[in-house]
Amino acid sequence: MGLVDEVLATLPFFRASAEGLMLDTFTAYAPTTETVDGLERDVMGAQYVTPGKVSGPSSQARDTNTRTATVGGIERPVVEGGLHIPLEAAVPAPGWEYECTATGPASDPGLLGRRFRVVSVPMKS
């Protein structure tokens, strides 16, 4: 058995281990339109529910966020991190903008109700 065969044989184990750490539940919302009283408006429509895990910078790495962005005239901190979801999750096509809200049991209760705007979907193989 070669190295490639050994790696391919162990991938399901590593994938199951990683997905076992995804203890949070997120509802994903994608941009859509709805019609109310004959008028169309842009809304974020619920698409699916998925398990996941939020990872962010280590709190030991620095005391405060040093990068900010101005949104709607208000300066907001930029928190770097990632939202990890299973490979089977029905994520929108790469490049779409969507939003995920923590809605279920959480490894960190402080996440419940938090919204995460995903503006770029880096795909991993």
N, C-alpha and C. Protein backbone atom coordinates (compact mmCIF):
# COMPACT_ATOMS: atom_id res chain seq x y z
N MET A 1 0.85 -1.17 0.00
CA MET A 1 0.00 0.00 0.00
C MET A 1 0.90 1.23 0.00
N GLY A 2 0.66 2.13 -0.94
CA GLY A 2 1.46 3.34 -1.05
C GLY A 2 0.95 4.43 -0.13
N LEU A 3 1.70 5.52 -0.08
CA LEU A 3 1.35 6.65 0.77
C LEU A 3 -0.01 7.24 0.40
N VAL A 4 -0.27 7.37 -0.89
CA VAL A 4 -1.56 7.93 -1.34
C VAL A 4 -2.71 7.05 -0.87
N ASP A 5 -2.55 5.73 -0.98
CA ASP A 5 -3.60 4.81 -0.54
C ASP A 5 -3.83 4.92 0.97
N GLU A 6 -2.74 5.06 1.73
CA GLU A 6 -2.87 5.19 3.18
C GLU A 6 -3.60 6.49 3.55
N VAL A 7 -3.27 7.57 2.87
CA VAL A 7 -3.94 8.85 3.14
C VAL A 7 -5.42 8.74 2.80
N LEU A 8 -5.73 8.18 1.63
CA LEU A 8 -7.13 8.04 1.23
C LEU A 8 -7.90 7.14 2.19
N ALA A 9 -7.24 6.13 2.75
CA ALA A 9 -7.92 5.22 3.69
C ALA A 9 -8.21 5.92 5.01
N THR A 10 -7.37 6.87 5.41
CA THR A 10 -7.56 7.54 6.70
C THR A 10 -8.41 8.80 6.62
N LEU A 11 -8.65 9.34 5.43
CA LEU A 11 -9.42 10.58 5.30
C LEU A 11 -10.81 10.50 5.95
N PRO A 12 -11.57 9.42 5.75
CA PRO A 12 -12.89 9.39 6.41
C PRO A 12 -12.81 9.51 7.93
N PHE A 13 -11.80 8.92 8.54
CA PHE A 13 -11.62 9.03 9.99
C PHE A 13 -11.36 10.48 10.39
N PHE A 14 -10.43 11.15 9.69
CA PHE A 14 -10.10 12.54 10.02
C PHE A 14 -11.29 13.46 9.76
N ARG A 15 -12.02 13.20 8.70
CA ARG A 15 -13.19 14.03 8.39
C ARG A 15 -14.25 13.87 9.47
N ALA A 16 -14.50 12.61 9.88
CA ALA A 16 -15.48 12.37 10.95
C ALA A 16 -15.04 13.02 12.25
N SER A 17 -13.74 13.00 12.53
CA SER A 17 -13.23 13.64 13.75
C SER A 17 -13.45 15.14 13.71
N ALA A 18 -13.15 15.77 12.57
CA ALA A 18 -13.34 17.22 12.44
C ALA A 18 -14.81 17.59 12.54
N GLU A 19 -15.68 16.85 11.87
CA GLU A 19 -17.11 17.16 11.92
C GLU A 19 -17.70 16.87 13.30
N GLY A 20 -17.07 15.99 14.07
CA GLY A 20 -17.51 15.72 15.44
C GLY A 20 -17.28 16.91 16.36
N LEU A 21 -16.40 17.81 15.98
CA LEU A 21 -16.13 19.02 16.76
C LEU A 21 -17.09 20.15 16.43
N MET A 22 -17.91 19.98 15.41
CA MET A 22 -18.85 21.02 14.99
C MET A 22 -20.11 20.90 15.84
N LEU A 23 -20.08 21.54 17.01
CA LEU A 23 -21.14 21.38 18.00
C LEU A 23 -22.21 22.46 17.93
N ASP A 24 -22.01 23.47 17.11
CA ASP A 24 -22.95 24.58 17.02
C ASP A 24 -23.90 24.35 15.85
N THR A 25 -25.07 24.97 15.91
CA THR A 25 -26.05 24.86 14.82
C THR A 25 -26.26 26.26 14.23
N PHE A 26 -26.21 26.34 12.90
CA PHE A 26 -26.36 27.61 12.20
C PHE A 26 -27.47 27.52 11.17
N THR A 27 -28.22 28.60 11.02
CA THR A 27 -29.16 28.73 9.92
C THR A 27 -28.54 29.68 8.93
N ALA A 28 -28.45 29.25 7.67
CA ALA A 28 -27.85 30.07 6.63
C ALA A 28 -28.95 30.82 5.89
N TYR A 29 -28.70 32.08 5.60
CA TYR A 29 -29.62 32.95 4.88
C TYR A 29 -28.92 33.50 3.66
N ALA A 30 -29.59 33.50 2.52
CA ALA A 30 -29.04 34.04 1.28
C ALA A 30 -29.91 35.20 0.81
N PRO A 31 -29.32 36.14 0.07
CA PRO A 31 -30.11 37.27 -0.44
C PRO A 31 -31.22 36.80 -1.38
N THR A 32 -32.39 37.32 -1.19
CA THR A 32 -33.53 37.01 -2.05
C THR A 32 -34.47 38.21 -2.01
N THR A 33 -35.56 38.13 -2.73
CA THR A 33 -36.55 39.21 -2.68
C THR A 33 -37.89 38.64 -2.24
N GLU A 34 -38.69 39.48 -1.60
CA GLU A 34 -40.05 39.10 -1.24
C GLU A 34 -40.97 40.23 -1.66
N THR A 35 -42.20 39.88 -1.93
CA THR A 35 -43.18 40.87 -2.34
C THR A 35 -44.19 41.08 -1.22
N VAL A 36 -44.33 42.32 -0.79
CA VAL A 36 -45.28 42.69 0.25
C VAL A 36 -46.11 43.83 -0.30
N ASP A 37 -47.43 43.63 -0.34
CA ASP A 37 -48.35 44.64 -0.87
C ASP A 37 -47.94 45.12 -2.26
N GLY A 38 -47.48 44.18 -3.10
CA GLY A 38 -47.12 44.50 -4.46
C GLY A 38 -45.75 45.13 -4.64
N LEU A 39 -45.02 45.33 -3.53
CA LEU A 39 -43.68 45.91 -3.61
C LEU A 39 -42.63 44.85 -3.30
N GLU A 40 -41.58 44.83 -4.12
CA GLU A 40 -40.49 43.90 -3.86
C GLU A 40 -39.45 44.55 -2.97
N ARG A 41 -38.90 43.75 -2.06
CA ARG A 41 -37.81 44.24 -1.22
C ARG A 41 -36.79 43.13 -1.04
N ASP A 42 -35.54 43.54 -0.85
CA ASP A 42 -34.47 42.58 -0.64
C ASP A 42 -34.49 42.12 0.81
N VAL A 43 -34.39 40.81 1.00
CA VAL A 43 -34.34 40.22 2.34
C VAL A 43 -33.33 39.08 2.34
N MET A 44 -32.98 38.63 3.52
CA MET A 44 -32.14 37.45 3.66
C MET A 44 -33.08 36.29 3.98
N GLY A 45 -33.26 35.38 3.03
CA GLY A 45 -34.18 34.26 3.19
C GLY A 45 -33.47 33.02 3.71
N ALA A 46 -34.09 32.35 4.68
CA ALA A 46 -33.51 31.13 5.25
C ALA A 46 -33.34 30.07 4.16
N GLN A 47 -32.18 29.43 4.14
CA GLN A 47 -31.88 28.43 3.11
C GLN A 47 -31.78 27.02 3.70
N TYR A 48 -31.03 26.85 4.77
CA TYR A 48 -30.83 25.54 5.35
C TYR A 48 -30.25 25.68 6.75
N VAL A 49 -30.23 24.58 7.49
CA VAL A 49 -29.64 24.53 8.83
C VAL A 49 -28.47 23.56 8.75
N THR A 50 -27.37 23.90 9.38
CA THR A 50 -26.18 23.06 9.34
C THR A 50 -25.43 23.11 10.67
N PRO A 51 -24.76 22.02 11.02
CA PRO A 51 -23.85 22.11 12.16
C PRO A 51 -22.61 22.89 11.74
N GLY A 52 -21.88 23.39 12.68
CA GLY A 52 -20.66 24.12 12.35
C GLY A 52 -19.88 24.48 13.59
N LYS A 53 -18.79 25.18 13.37
CA LYS A 53 -17.92 25.63 14.46
C LYS A 53 -17.30 26.95 14.04
N VAL A 54 -17.31 27.90 14.95
CA VAL A 54 -16.69 29.20 14.70
C VAL A 54 -15.27 29.16 15.27
N SER A 55 -14.33 29.60 14.48
CA SER A 55 -12.96 29.74 14.99
C SER A 55 -12.54 31.18 14.79
N GLY A 56 -11.85 31.69 15.76
CA GLY A 56 -11.40 33.08 15.69
C GLY A 56 -9.98 33.18 16.16
N PRO A 57 -9.48 34.39 16.21
CA PRO A 57 -8.11 34.57 16.68
C PRO A 57 -7.99 34.24 18.15
N SER A 58 -6.87 33.78 18.55
CA SER A 58 -6.62 33.47 19.95
C SER A 58 -6.68 34.75 20.77
N SER A 59 -7.34 34.68 21.92
CA SER A 59 -7.40 35.86 22.77
C SER A 59 -6.04 36.15 23.39
N GLN A 60 -5.15 35.16 23.39
CA GLN A 60 -3.82 35.38 23.92
C GLN A 60 -2.93 36.10 22.91
N ALA A 61 -3.32 36.07 21.63
CA ALA A 61 -2.49 36.66 20.59
C ALA A 61 -2.43 38.18 20.70
N ARG A 62 -3.52 38.80 21.07
CA ARG A 62 -3.55 40.25 21.21
C ARG A 62 -4.74 40.63 22.09
N ASP A 63 -4.66 41.80 22.68
CA ASP A 63 -5.71 42.24 23.59
C ASP A 63 -6.91 42.81 22.87
N THR A 64 -6.68 43.51 21.77
CA THR A 64 -7.79 44.16 21.07
C THR A 64 -7.66 43.93 19.57
N ASN A 65 -8.76 44.12 18.88
CA ASN A 65 -8.73 44.07 17.42
C ASN A 65 -8.08 45.36 16.93
N THR A 66 -7.14 45.23 16.02
CA THR A 66 -6.43 46.41 15.56
C THR A 66 -6.94 46.89 14.21
N ARG A 67 -7.77 46.11 13.55
CA ARG A 67 -8.27 46.49 12.23
C ARG A 67 -9.74 46.88 12.35
N THR A 68 -10.10 48.00 11.72
CA THR A 68 -11.49 48.44 11.73
C THR A 68 -11.95 48.75 10.31
N ALA A 69 -13.25 48.77 10.14
CA ALA A 69 -13.86 49.14 8.86
C ALA A 69 -15.03 50.07 9.15
N THR A 70 -15.23 51.05 8.30
CA THR A 70 -16.35 51.97 8.47
C THR A 70 -17.54 51.45 7.68
N VAL A 71 -18.63 51.17 8.38
CA VAL A 71 -19.85 50.66 7.77
C VAL A 71 -20.99 51.58 8.16
N GLY A 72 -21.61 52.20 7.17
CA GLY A 72 -22.71 53.12 7.44
C GLY A 72 -22.31 54.28 8.33
N GLY A 73 -21.07 54.74 8.17
CA GLY A 73 -20.62 55.87 8.96
C GLY A 73 -20.17 55.51 10.37
N ILE A 74 -20.19 54.24 10.71
CA ILE A 74 -19.79 53.80 12.05
C ILE A 74 -18.55 52.91 11.92
N GLU A 75 -17.55 53.19 12.72
CA GLU A 75 -16.33 52.40 12.70
C GLU A 75 -16.55 51.11 13.50
N ARG A 76 -16.32 49.97 12.85
CA ARG A 76 -16.57 48.68 13.48
C ARG A 76 -15.28 47.85 13.48
N PRO A 77 -15.05 47.07 14.53
CA PRO A 77 -13.87 46.21 14.55
C PRO A 77 -14.03 45.06 13.55
N VAL A 78 -12.94 44.67 12.94
CA VAL A 78 -12.94 43.52 12.03
C VAL A 78 -12.36 42.34 12.79
N VAL A 79 -13.16 41.32 12.96
CA VAL A 79 -12.73 40.13 13.67
C VAL A 79 -12.42 39.06 12.64
N GLU A 80 -11.20 38.60 12.64
CA GLU A 80 -10.82 37.57 11.68
C GLU A 80 -11.15 36.21 12.27
N GLY A 81 -11.62 35.34 11.44
CA GLY A 81 -11.96 34.01 11.90
C GLY A 81 -12.58 33.23 10.78
N GLY A 82 -13.21 32.16 11.14
CA GLY A 82 -13.83 31.35 10.12
C GLY A 82 -15.02 30.59 10.67
N LEU A 83 -15.91 30.26 9.78
CA LEU A 83 -17.05 29.43 10.11
C LEU A 83 -16.83 28.10 9.39
N HIS A 84 -16.63 27.06 10.15
CA HIS A 84 -16.36 25.74 9.59
C HIS A 84 -17.66 24.95 9.56
N ILE A 85 -18.03 24.46 8.38
CA ILE A 85 -19.23 23.65 8.23
C ILE A 85 -18.87 22.38 7.46
N PRO A 86 -19.68 21.33 7.59
CA PRO A 86 -19.37 20.07 6.91
C PRO A 86 -19.34 20.23 5.39
N LEU A 87 -18.59 19.36 4.74
CA LEU A 87 -18.47 19.41 3.29
C LEU A 87 -19.81 19.21 2.60
N GLU A 88 -20.74 18.45 3.22
CA GLU A 88 -22.04 18.20 2.59
C GLU A 88 -23.01 19.35 2.71
N ALA A 89 -22.68 20.37 3.49
CA ALA A 89 -23.61 21.49 3.69
C ALA A 89 -23.91 22.14 2.35
N ALA A 90 -25.14 22.56 2.19
CA ALA A 90 -25.60 23.14 0.92
C ALA A 90 -25.23 24.61 0.85
N VAL A 91 -23.93 24.90 0.89
CA VAL A 91 -23.50 26.30 0.85
C VAL A 91 -23.79 26.89 -0.52
N PRO A 92 -24.04 28.20 -0.57
CA PRO A 92 -24.24 28.84 -1.87
C PRO A 92 -22.98 28.71 -2.73
N ALA A 93 -23.11 29.02 -3.98
CA ALA A 93 -21.98 28.96 -4.91
C ALA A 93 -20.88 29.90 -4.45
N PRO A 94 -19.61 29.57 -4.72
CA PRO A 94 -18.51 30.46 -4.33
C PRO A 94 -18.74 31.87 -4.86
N GLY A 95 -18.44 32.84 -4.01
CA GLY A 95 -18.59 34.23 -4.41
C GLY A 95 -19.91 34.85 -3.95
N TRP A 96 -20.88 34.02 -3.54
CA TRP A 96 -22.14 34.56 -3.05
C TRP A 96 -21.93 35.15 -1.68
N GLU A 97 -22.76 36.10 -1.35
CA GLU A 97 -22.74 36.65 0.00
C GLU A 97 -23.93 36.06 0.74
N TYR A 98 -23.67 35.53 1.91
CA TYR A 98 -24.78 35.02 2.71
C TYR A 98 -24.47 35.22 4.18
N GLU A 99 -25.43 34.87 5.02
CA GLU A 99 -25.34 35.15 6.45
C GLU A 99 -25.69 33.88 7.20
N CYS A 100 -24.99 33.62 8.29
CA CYS A 100 -25.31 32.48 9.14
C CYS A 100 -25.59 33.00 10.55
N THR A 101 -26.63 32.47 11.16
CA THR A 101 -26.99 32.84 12.52
C THR A 101 -26.91 31.61 13.39
N ALA A 102 -26.23 31.72 14.53
CA ALA A 102 -26.15 30.61 15.49
C ALA A 102 -27.52 30.44 16.12
N THR A 103 -28.14 29.27 15.93
CA THR A 103 -29.52 29.08 16.37
C THR A 103 -29.73 27.91 17.32
N GLY A 104 -28.74 27.06 17.48
CA GLY A 104 -28.99 25.86 18.27
C GLY A 104 -28.00 25.67 19.39
N PRO A 105 -27.95 24.43 19.88
CA PRO A 105 -27.02 24.14 20.97
C PRO A 105 -25.63 24.65 20.58
N ALA A 106 -24.98 25.28 21.53
CA ALA A 106 -23.70 25.89 21.21
C ALA A 106 -22.62 25.45 22.18
N SER A 107 -21.42 25.32 21.68
CA SER A 107 -20.28 25.04 22.54
C SER A 107 -19.98 26.28 23.39
N ASP A 108 -20.37 27.44 22.87
CA ASP A 108 -20.22 28.71 23.58
C ASP A 108 -21.58 29.40 23.56
N PRO A 109 -22.30 29.43 24.70
CA PRO A 109 -23.63 30.05 24.71
C PRO A 109 -23.63 31.50 24.23
N GLY A 110 -22.50 32.18 24.28
CA GLY A 110 -22.42 33.54 23.80
C GLY A 110 -22.60 33.67 22.30
N LEU A 111 -22.55 32.54 21.59
CA LEU A 111 -22.73 32.57 20.14
C LEU A 111 -24.19 32.63 19.72
N LEU A 112 -25.09 32.17 20.59
CA LEU A 112 -26.51 32.09 20.21
C LEU A 112 -27.03 33.45 19.77
N GLY A 113 -27.64 33.47 18.59
CA GLY A 113 -28.20 34.70 18.04
C GLY A 113 -27.19 35.55 17.29
N ARG A 114 -25.92 35.21 17.37
CA ARG A 114 -24.91 35.99 16.65
C ARG A 114 -25.01 35.72 15.15
N ARG A 115 -24.82 36.78 14.37
CA ARG A 115 -24.88 36.65 12.91
C ARG A 115 -23.47 36.78 12.35
N PHE A 116 -23.18 35.95 11.37
CA PHE A 116 -21.88 35.97 10.71
C PHE A 116 -22.13 36.20 9.23
N ARG A 117 -21.60 37.28 8.69
CA ARG A 117 -21.75 37.60 7.27
C ARG A 117 -20.58 36.95 6.54
N VAL A 118 -20.89 36.08 5.62
CA VAL A 118 -19.87 35.40 4.82
C VAL A 118 -19.83 36.10 3.48
N VAL A 119 -18.71 36.76 3.20
CA VAL A 119 -18.61 37.53 1.97
C VAL A 119 -17.70 36.86 0.94
N SER A 120 -17.06 35.81 1.32
CA SER A 120 -16.22 35.07 0.40
C SER A 120 -16.22 33.63 0.88
N VAL A 121 -16.41 32.72 -0.01
CA VAL A 121 -16.49 31.31 0.36
C VAL A 121 -15.25 30.59 -0.17
N PRO A 122 -14.20 30.50 0.65
CA PRO A 122 -13.04 29.76 0.17
C PRO A 122 -13.35 28.27 0.21
N MET A 123 -13.17 27.62 -0.89
CA MET A 123 -13.48 26.20 -0.98
C MET A 123 -12.22 25.38 -0.73
N LYS A 124 -12.38 24.34 0.07
CA LYS A 124 -11.28 23.42 0.32
C LYS A 124 -11.65 22.08 -0.31
N SER A 125 -10.65 21.34 -0.66
CA SER A 125 -10.93 20.02 -1.23
C SER A 125 -10.80 18.97 -0.16
